[in-house]
Structures are given as C-alpha cells and as structure tokens.
C-alpha cells in the first residue's frame, strides 16, 4: 500500500473547519484547539513546516455576542468576526505555548492576493515566519470583506496559501471521512474514494453540497481547492478531523481519507498568481480560432479573435477569456481598457493604431501574461 503524500512533504498547509474547532457553533472548543496544536507541534519536530488555516472566528463571535443563529447581514457577520477573532487568536496562542511554539495571526482578503505587490509581501512574510519557527494562523479577514474582495471559504483560502508559499501538501480536515462516489447522506451505497487525480471532472459530480449550518464549506469546495492547489504541484488530502491523531498518522505515512494527487505541470510563479484570481475585472468572448490558439497552440490573444466583451476594465487588470458557450479558457493581464477593446475587437493588429490613434501592444493579452485554466 502506498504511503501518504504527507510523509515526504516538507511544507504543509493544514485547514481545519468550524465544526472541528467549535462546540457546534457555541464558541471555541479549547480542548480541540489544544489537540491540533499538540499534533502540529509533534509533526514540526520532524523538520516539517506547518501553516494552519483555521475557521471559527464567527462562531466564537456569535457566542460572545449571545447570538443563537448565524446572521446573514454583512455588517453583523463582520462584527461577529471582529469579536471572535480575538478569542480564536488567543486560544491558539495559549495552546501552542504549551509546546513552546510561537504563533502569528495573518488575516487575508482576496484583494491581498490579487495585487501583485501585496501578494509578494504576504509570501515574504509567511516564508520569514516559517524560517523563524513560528506557526502562522491564517483566516479570511471577515471584518472587512465584501463580496468584491471575498475569498469565500477557507478551503479555497487554504489552496491559495498553498500556492502562495509553494507548499507540498494541503490537508483539508472535515467532519467526513473523505470524498465519496456520491453524497452519502442521500446515497447510502456511496463508497469512499481513496485516491484520485486532482482536477478530474468526475470528482465535481461526486461532491455534495454544503455541510453544517455553522461553516460554509462542503465537499465541492474541497474538490475545487484540490484542483487549485494542484496548479502549484501540491497534492491534497481530505480526511476526518474526528480520526484520532489524524495529522500525526498522516505524517507517518498512513493513508487516511481521500488523497487527490497533483499530476499537472507546475505553473510559474507569475502565472500562478494570475490563476489564483477569484475576482475578474471583465470577460472576453473568443471565436473558435482564438480559443484554439490559446488552449492548444500557446499563442497570445489578438483583438481579431474577440467577438464581444463584458465589464468595465482598465489596462493591466485581470480578465477572463471564454469560448462562445461561456466556458472559461484562460485569464490574463489585458493591454487595453474596455472602451478601447470594444473599438478594436474583430480587427487585425495592423489596424489598432489607425483606430485608436496609438498602439500600446499588438496583442490584447500577451502569452507571457496569460494562463490557461
């Protein structure tokens, strides 16, 4: 039997969901937090670097504010997160201190990862903390996030952090034993999946909907997270956080849960940054020839191959490239704003200067600034 990919990993991102660090939404489960910190400390002694992505701030905030049900209004969620983040950070700090380890709190939004300079700053900070033997505790900055800058769930955040620091493995701990061939809550004959290739389209059909009412994630978000993590060469393990010593056993090579292996070519750092954009400034719809040139021939996108646009974007922003059925093919840094793009679409590059009075670049998106998704 093959060993777990965690055994040979040097740098690991571990994500624990709300159901594993809270008492069913009634605040932080301090015993559970201590268990996670103890296991992580044991693994760290073997020379591995660990980054922890943890949910739980909103649930703790709800407890402190005396709220029985998760609010739906953004300002109330932000308030709960602000109150609860204090307790979550303190719980981890006190738990890891028992193993003589220091922690650092990192709160991120998608905006932090979509801006190239801030992306590199976050990467540098995390790498420095790891070099200092500090355990980074990462969560989405729910106190300020709006839909425009929201990552959305901590499975996705875990994958983004995995790519950011070029980790070897992403471990997604949940209240299920792994991924099944169908939703076991609706299909009693569903069987657990021990191993598959991250990014296999069949996995998306197998994944069910969201889980508990406290957290936001479900198996589908974990499948998408594994696909995203694979772009930087990282494999993903989806396992039950209810398993005794699950992290320690995985690190020792035991196979637990579902292992989704990365088998695609690793993207270069700049293109990985492009691929990790969750919020796009606009959309470009391509004809069949342009779609083929991007996806099969590795060419740049020319204006002549664009049939229409959506959105108001500026030069240098990240836009998505779609075929005429609406399927996303690629994304990249556009060389012209939306107004100019609409004026030159379906036109050859030789006509750009005559139409606009200037020509920034002959390509709408250069292949060096474009990544196929």
Protein backbone atom coordinates (compact mmCIF):
# COMPACT_ATOMS: atom_id res chain seq x y z
CA UNK A 1 0.00 0.00 0.00
CA UNK A 2 1.38 3.39 -0.98
CA UNK A 3 2.29 5.87 1.71
CA UNK A 4 0.51 9.14 2.31
CA UNK A 5 1.95 12.08 0.39
CA UNK A 6 2.21 13.88 3.73
CA UNK A 7 5.08 11.63 4.83
CA UNK A 8 7.54 13.07 2.32
CA UNK A 9 6.20 16.64 2.37
CA UNK A 10 8.46 19.37 3.71
CA UNK A 11 5.95 22.23 3.79
CA UNK A 12 2.31 21.58 4.70
CA UNK A 13 -0.84 23.69 4.88
CA UNK A 14 -3.48 22.35 7.27
CA UNK A 15 -7.04 23.66 7.15
CA UNK A 16 -9.48 22.92 9.98
CA UNK A 17 -13.14 23.80 9.62
CA UNK A 18 -15.53 25.43 12.07
CA UNK A 19 -17.09 22.13 13.12
CA UNK A 20 -13.66 20.91 14.31
CA UNK A 21 -12.68 23.92 16.43
CA UNK A 22 -16.05 24.97 17.86
CA UNK A 23 -18.68 23.38 20.07
CA UNK A 24 -21.35 23.11 17.36
CA UNK A 25 -21.25 26.86 16.93
CA UNK A 26 -21.23 27.59 20.67
CA UNK A 27 -17.79 29.13 20.71
CA UNK A 28 -14.29 27.72 20.54
CA UNK A 29 -13.63 24.16 21.68
CA UNK A 30 -10.40 24.74 23.61
CA UNK A 31 -9.73 21.01 24.02
CA UNK A 32 -9.91 20.55 20.25
CA UNK A 33 -7.59 23.53 19.63
CA UNK A 34 -5.09 22.03 22.10
CA UNK A 35 -5.24 18.67 20.28
CA UNK A 36 -4.49 20.32 16.92
CA UNK A 37 -1.65 22.35 18.36
CA UNK A 38 -0.10 19.30 20.02
CA UNK A 39 -0.23 17.25 16.81
CA UNK A 40 1.21 20.09 14.75
CA UNK A 41 4.00 20.56 17.29
CA UNK A 42 4.85 16.85 17.09
CA UNK A 43 4.96 16.97 13.29
CA UNK A 44 7.11 20.09 13.35
CA UNK A 45 9.73 18.23 15.38
CA UNK A 46 10.34 16.01 12.33
CA UNK A 47 11.53 19.03 10.33
CA UNK A 48 8.30 19.85 8.51
CA UNK A 49 7.00 23.42 8.14
CA UNK A 50 3.33 23.92 9.01
CA UNK A 51 0.87 26.70 8.19
CA UNK A 52 -2.57 26.48 9.77
CA UNK A 53 -5.72 27.87 8.15
CA UNK A 54 -8.46 27.91 10.76
CA UNK A 55 -12.13 28.80 10.76
CA UNK A 56 -14.04 29.59 13.93
CA UNK A 57 -13.94 33.38 14.40
CA UNK A 58 -17.58 34.00 13.52
CA UNK A 59 -18.78 31.10 15.69
CA UNK A 60 -16.78 32.45 18.64
CA UNK A 61 -18.11 35.94 18.00
CA UNK A 62 -21.67 34.62 17.96
CA UNK A 63 -21.13 33.06 21.36
CA UNK A 64 -19.61 36.21 22.83
CA UNK A 65 -22.44 38.34 21.44
CA UNK A 66 -25.12 35.90 22.58
CA UNK A 67 -26.42 35.09 19.09
CA UNK A 68 -28.02 31.68 18.56
CA UNK A 69 -28.21 31.80 14.75
CA UNK A 70 -25.59 32.84 12.20
CA UNK A 71 -26.58 36.28 10.86
CA UNK A 72 -26.95 36.88 7.13
CA UNK A 73 -26.29 40.63 7.06
CA UNK A 74 -22.69 41.50 6.14
CA UNK A 75 -22.21 44.15 8.91
CA UNK A 76 -23.35 41.66 11.57
CA UNK A 77 -21.05 38.93 10.20
CA UNK A 78 -18.18 41.41 10.20
CA UNK A 79 -18.94 42.37 13.80
CA UNK A 80 -19.07 38.73 14.88
CA UNK A 81 -15.77 38.05 13.13
CA UNK A 82 -14.12 41.07 14.77
CA UNK A 83 -15.21 39.97 18.24
CA UNK A 84 -14.49 36.28 17.66
CA UNK A 85 -11.08 36.70 16.08
CA UNK A 86 -9.77 37.91 19.45
CA UNK A 87 -10.79 34.64 21.09
CA UNK A 88 -9.57 32.44 18.23
CA UNK A 89 -6.10 34.02 18.20
CA UNK A 90 -5.83 33.78 21.98
CA UNK A 91 -6.91 30.12 22.00
CA UNK A 92 -4.23 29.13 19.51
CA UNK A 93 -1.56 31.27 21.18
CA UNK A 94 -2.19 29.63 24.56
CA UNK A 95 -2.40 26.13 23.07
CA UNK A 96 0.83 26.34 21.08
CA UNK A 97 2.62 27.96 24.03
CA UNK A 98 2.26 24.63 25.85
CA UNK A 99 4.55 23.19 23.15
CA UNK A 100 6.90 26.20 23.39
CA UNK A 101 5.88 27.45 19.94
CA UNK A 102 5.05 30.98 18.93
CA UNK A 103 2.15 31.84 16.65
CA UNK A 104 1.37 34.70 14.30
CA UNK A 105 -2.04 35.82 13.11
CA UNK A 106 -2.43 36.52 9.38
CA UNK A 107 -5.77 37.85 8.08
CA UNK A 108 -6.14 37.89 4.31
CA UNK A 109 -8.66 39.00 1.69
CA UNK A 110 -8.70 38.21 -2.00
CA UNK A 111 -7.55 41.77 -2.59
CA UNK A 112 -4.33 40.97 -0.70
CA UNK A 113 -3.65 38.14 -3.14
CA UNK A 114 -4.83 39.78 -6.37
CA UNK A 115 -2.50 42.78 -6.10
CA UNK A 116 0.94 41.63 -7.23
CA UNK A 117 2.88 43.72 -4.69
CA UNK A 118 0.71 42.69 -1.75
CA UNK A 119 0.85 39.07 -2.95
CA UNK A 120 4.65 39.14 -2.83
CA UNK A 121 4.62 40.88 0.57
CA UNK A 122 2.32 38.20 2.02
CA UNK A 123 4.54 35.48 0.53
CA UNK A 124 7.66 37.06 2.03
CA UNK A 125 6.05 37.46 5.46
CA UNK A 126 4.89 33.84 5.59
CA UNK A 127 8.24 32.48 4.49
CA UNK A 128 10.01 34.59 7.09
CA UNK A 129 7.69 33.36 9.85
CA UNK A 130 8.37 29.75 8.85
CA UNK A 131 12.11 30.41 8.90
CA UNK A 132 11.69 31.77 12.44
CA UNK A 133 9.89 28.55 13.53
CA UNK A 134 6.65 30.47 14.10
CA UNK A 135 3.28 28.84 13.30
CA UNK A 136 1.21 31.18 11.06
CA UNK A 137 -2.52 31.01 11.85
CA UNK A 138 -4.42 32.24 8.80
CA UNK A 139 -8.05 33.20 8.40
CA UNK A 140 -10.00 35.32 5.97
CA UNK A 141 -10.32 38.90 7.17
CA UNK A 142 -14.10 38.71 7.61
CA UNK A 143 -14.10 42.00 9.48
CA UNK A 144 -13.62 43.98 6.25
CA UNK A 145 -14.52 41.65 3.41
CA UNK A 146 -17.31 42.41 0.96
CA UNK A 147 -18.37 40.26 -1.97
CA UNK A 148 -15.93 42.14 -4.21
CA UNK A 149 -12.86 41.19 -2.16
CA UNK A 150 -14.03 37.94 -0.55
CA UNK A 151 -12.21 34.63 -0.91
CA UNK A 152 -15.43 32.90 0.16
CA UNK A 153 -14.41 29.86 2.19
CA UNK A 154 -11.35 28.54 3.98
CA UNK A 155 -10.93 25.53 1.69
CA UNK A 156 -10.23 27.98 -1.13
CA UNK A 157 -8.11 30.12 1.18
CA UNK A 158 -6.09 27.03 2.09
CA UNK A 159 -5.42 26.33 -1.58
CA UNK A 160 -4.44 29.94 -2.24
CA UNK A 161 -2.00 29.86 0.69
CA UNK A 162 -0.64 26.51 -0.56
CA UNK A 163 0.15 28.12 -3.90
CA UNK A 164 1.44 31.31 -2.27
CA UNK A 165 4.15 29.56 -0.26
CA UNK A 166 4.64 26.65 -2.69
CA UNK A 167 3.66 24.04 -0.10
CA UNK A 168 3.94 20.36 -0.94
CA UNK A 169 0.61 19.22 0.51
CA UNK A 170 -2.73 20.72 1.51
CA UNK A 171 -4.62 18.85 4.25
CA UNK A 172 -8.34 19.64 4.45
CA UNK A 173 -9.79 18.34 7.70
CA UNK A 174 -13.55 17.97 7.82
CA UNK A 175 -16.29 16.09 9.67
CA UNK A 176 -16.47 13.48 6.88
CA UNK A 177 -14.02 10.58 6.39
CA UNK A 178 -13.20 11.80 2.89
CA UNK A 179 -14.72 12.11 -0.55
CA UNK A 180 -17.38 9.61 -1.65
CA UNK A 181 -18.61 8.49 -5.06
CA UNK A 182 -21.86 10.31 -4.19
CA UNK A 183 -23.29 12.26 -1.26
CA UNK A 184 -23.51 9.57 1.48
CA UNK A 185 -26.31 11.50 3.19
CA UNK A 186 -28.54 10.84 0.18
CA UNK A 187 -26.97 7.70 -1.25
CA UNK A 188 -26.32 5.01 1.39
CA UNK A 189 -24.48 2.87 -1.19
CA UNK A 190 -21.87 5.59 -1.86
CA UNK A 191 -18.29 4.37 -1.46
CA UNK A 192 -15.29 6.32 -0.16
CA UNK A 193 -12.63 7.35 -2.68
CA UNK A 194 -9.11 6.52 -1.54
CA UNK A 195 -7.18 8.20 -4.33
CA UNK A 196 -7.85 10.20 -7.48
CA UNK A 197 -6.26 12.83 -9.66
CA UNK A 198 -6.89 16.41 -8.53
CA UNK A 199 -8.81 18.19 -11.26
CA UNK A 200 -10.63 15.10 -12.54
CA UNK A 201 -14.02 16.49 -13.71
CA UNK A 202 -15.76 13.38 -12.37
CA UNK A 203 -14.95 14.45 -8.81
CA UNK A 204 -17.12 17.56 -9.12
CA UNK A 205 -20.14 15.42 -9.97
CA UNK A 206 -19.48 13.20 -6.96
CA UNK A 207 -19.16 16.04 -4.43
CA UNK A 208 -22.26 17.00 -2.46
CA UNK A 209 -23.48 20.39 -1.24
CA UNK A 210 -22.51 22.48 1.80
CA UNK A 211 -22.29 20.79 5.17
CA UNK A 212 -23.24 22.25 8.55
CA UNK A 213 -25.06 25.49 9.19
CA UNK A 214 -22.07 26.90 11.08
CA UNK A 215 -19.44 26.72 8.34
CA UNK A 216 -19.79 27.49 4.64
CA UNK A 217 -17.80 24.69 3.02
CA UNK A 218 -18.80 21.37 1.53
CA UNK A 219 -17.11 18.63 -0.45
CA UNK A 220 -17.44 20.58 -3.69
CA UNK A 221 -15.32 23.44 -2.32
CA UNK A 222 -12.71 20.87 -1.29
CA UNK A 223 -12.62 19.37 -4.78
CA UNK A 224 -12.15 22.82 -6.28
CA UNK A 225 -9.49 23.63 -3.66
CA UNK A 226 -7.55 20.48 -4.55
CA UNK A 227 -7.71 21.40 -8.23
CA UNK A 228 -6.38 24.87 -7.45
CA UNK A 229 -3.60 23.57 -5.18
CA UNK A 230 -2.50 21.15 -7.90
CA UNK A 231 -1.58 24.08 -10.14
CA UNK A 232 1.48 24.68 -7.98
CA UNK A 233 2.25 20.96 -7.78
CA UNK A 234 0.66 20.31 -4.36
CA UNK A 235 -1.40 17.22 -3.63
CA UNK A 236 -4.40 17.38 -1.29
CA UNK A 237 -5.62 15.07 1.46
CA UNK A 238 -9.26 15.28 2.58
CA UNK A 239 -9.67 13.50 5.91
CA UNK A 240 -11.80 13.42 9.01
CA UNK A 241 -10.72 15.63 11.86
CA UNK A 242 -12.53 13.17 14.16
CA UNK A 243 -9.89 10.50 13.48
CA UNK A 244 -7.57 10.05 16.44
CA UNK A 245 -4.13 11.61 15.84
CA UNK A 246 -5.02 12.13 12.18
CA UNK A 247 -2.23 14.61 11.42
CA UNK A 248 0.44 12.58 13.20
CA UNK A 249 -0.59 9.39 11.40
CA UNK A 250 -0.67 11.10 8.01
CA UNK A 251 2.82 12.48 8.63
CA UNK A 252 3.99 8.97 9.49
CA UNK A 253 2.77 7.76 6.10
CA UNK A 254 -0.58 6.20 6.95
CA UNK A 255 -3.23 6.59 4.27
CA UNK A 256 -6.33 8.25 5.74
CA UNK A 257 -9.27 9.74 3.85
CA UNK A 258 -9.01 10.76 0.20
CA UNK A 259 -5.73 11.62 -1.48
CA UNK A 260 -6.00 13.83 -4.58
CA UNK A 261 -2.66 13.87 -6.33
CA UNK A 262 -1.27 16.68 -8.44
CA UNK A 263 -0.36 15.41 -11.88
CA UNK A 264 -0.39 18.63 -13.88
CA UNK A 265 2.66 20.71 -14.72
CA UNK A 266 3.51 23.28 -12.07
CA UNK A 267 2.80 26.85 -13.14
CA UNK A 268 5.47 29.51 -12.97
CA UNK A 269 5.02 31.89 -10.03
CA UNK A 270 3.69 34.79 -12.12
CA UNK A 271 1.17 32.60 -13.91
CA UNK A 272 0.18 31.00 -10.62
CA UNK A 273 -0.67 34.48 -9.34
CA UNK A 274 -2.86 35.01 -12.41
CA UNK A 275 -4.57 31.64 -11.97
CA UNK A 276 -5.40 32.42 -8.34
CA UNK A 277 -7.52 35.47 -9.15
CA UNK A 278 -11.04 34.77 -7.95
CA UNK A 279 -12.42 38.16 -8.93
CA UNK A 280 -12.01 39.15 -12.60
CA UNK A 281 -12.32 42.71 -13.89
CA UNK A 282 -14.07 41.68 -17.09
CA UNK A 283 -14.71 38.99 -19.68
CA UNK A 284 -13.61 38.48 -23.28
CA UNK A 285 -15.53 36.06 -25.50
CA UNK A 286 -13.46 34.39 -28.22
CA UNK A 287 -14.19 32.79 -31.57
CA UNK A 288 -13.15 29.19 -32.19
CA UNK A 289 -9.85 30.15 -33.79
CA UNK A 290 -8.74 32.33 -30.91
CA UNK A 291 -9.86 29.71 -28.38
CA UNK A 292 -7.76 27.09 -30.15
CA UNK A 293 -4.76 29.44 -30.39
CA UNK A 294 -4.81 29.98 -26.61
CA UNK A 295 -5.56 26.49 -25.36
CA UNK A 296 -3.76 24.31 -27.91
CA UNK A 297 -1.08 26.44 -29.53
CA UNK A 298 0.15 28.57 -26.63
CA UNK A 299 -0.31 31.83 -28.52
CA UNK A 300 -1.17 35.37 -27.43
CA UNK A 301 -4.71 36.72 -27.69
CA UNK A 302 -5.27 39.13 -30.58
CA UNK A 303 -8.18 41.53 -30.84
CA UNK A 304 -9.33 39.96 -34.10
CA UNK A 305 -10.32 36.80 -32.21
CA UNK A 306 -12.56 38.55 -29.67
CA UNK A 307 -16.27 38.68 -30.52
CA UNK A 308 -17.56 40.65 -27.51
CA UNK A 309 -16.67 41.91 -24.04
CA UNK A 310 -18.32 42.24 -20.64
CA UNK A 311 -17.41 44.60 -17.82
CA UNK A 312 -15.53 47.87 -17.49
CA UNK A 313 -11.86 47.05 -17.02
CA UNK A 314 -8.68 49.08 -17.15
CA UNK A 315 -5.38 48.34 -18.87
CA UNK A 316 -3.34 45.90 -16.76
CA UNK A 317 -6.30 44.32 -14.96
CA UNK A 318 -7.01 40.59 -14.96
CA UNK A 319 -9.78 39.49 -17.32
CA UNK A 320 -11.16 36.08 -18.18
CA UNK A 321 -11.22 34.57 -21.67
CA UNK A 322 -14.28 32.48 -22.55
CA UNK A 323 -15.45 30.47 -25.51
CA UNK A 324 -18.80 31.26 -27.11
CA UNK A 325 -20.59 28.78 -24.80
CA UNK A 326 -19.41 30.69 -21.71
CA UNK A 327 -16.73 28.21 -20.59
CA UNK A 328 -13.64 29.90 -19.13
CA UNK A 329 -10.49 29.05 -21.06
CA UNK A 330 -7.83 31.39 -19.71
CA UNK A 331 -7.17 34.62 -17.87
CA UNK A 332 -4.56 37.29 -18.21
CA UNK A 333 -3.45 40.93 -17.99
CA UNK A 334 -5.22 42.92 -20.68
CA UNK A 335 -3.27 45.57 -22.64
CA UNK A 336 -6.26 47.83 -23.41
CA UNK A 337 -9.15 49.16 -21.34
CA UNK A 338 -12.73 48.08 -22.01
CA UNK A 339 -13.59 51.11 -24.17
CA UNK A 340 -10.59 50.65 -26.46
CA UNK A 341 -11.06 46.88 -26.56
CA UNK A 342 -14.60 47.27 -27.84
CA UNK A 343 -13.33 49.59 -30.60
CA UNK A 344 -10.66 47.16 -31.83
CA UNK A 345 -12.33 43.78 -31.39
CA UNK A 346 -12.57 41.73 -34.62
CA UNK A 347 -9.82 43.95 -36.07
CA UNK A 348 -6.28 42.89 -37.08
CA UNK A 349 -3.36 44.23 -35.03
CA UNK A 350 -2.22 46.29 -38.01
CA UNK A 351 -5.36 48.47 -37.66
CA UNK A 352 -5.10 49.23 -33.92
CA UNK A 353 -3.10 52.45 -34.28
CA UNK A 354 -5.36 53.74 -37.06
CA UNK A 355 -8.47 53.09 -34.93
CA UNK A 356 -7.21 54.31 -31.54
CA UNK A 357 -4.55 56.79 -32.59
CA UNK A 358 -1.97 54.80 -30.64
CA UNK A 359 -0.91 51.19 -30.10
CA UNK A 360 0.17 50.00 -26.64
CA UNK A 361 0.84 46.43 -27.77
CA UNK A 362 -0.06 44.38 -30.87
CA UNK A 363 -1.67 41.75 -28.61
CA UNK A 364 -4.74 42.17 -26.47
CA UNK A 365 -3.13 39.78 -23.96
CA UNK A 366 0.46 38.61 -24.41
CA UNK A 367 1.06 34.90 -23.83
CA UNK A 368 3.59 35.70 -21.07
CA UNK A 369 0.76 37.41 -19.15
CA UNK A 370 -1.82 34.69 -19.82
CA UNK A 371 -2.57 31.36 -18.12
CA UNK A 372 -4.86 28.62 -19.42
CA UNK A 373 -7.29 27.40 -16.76
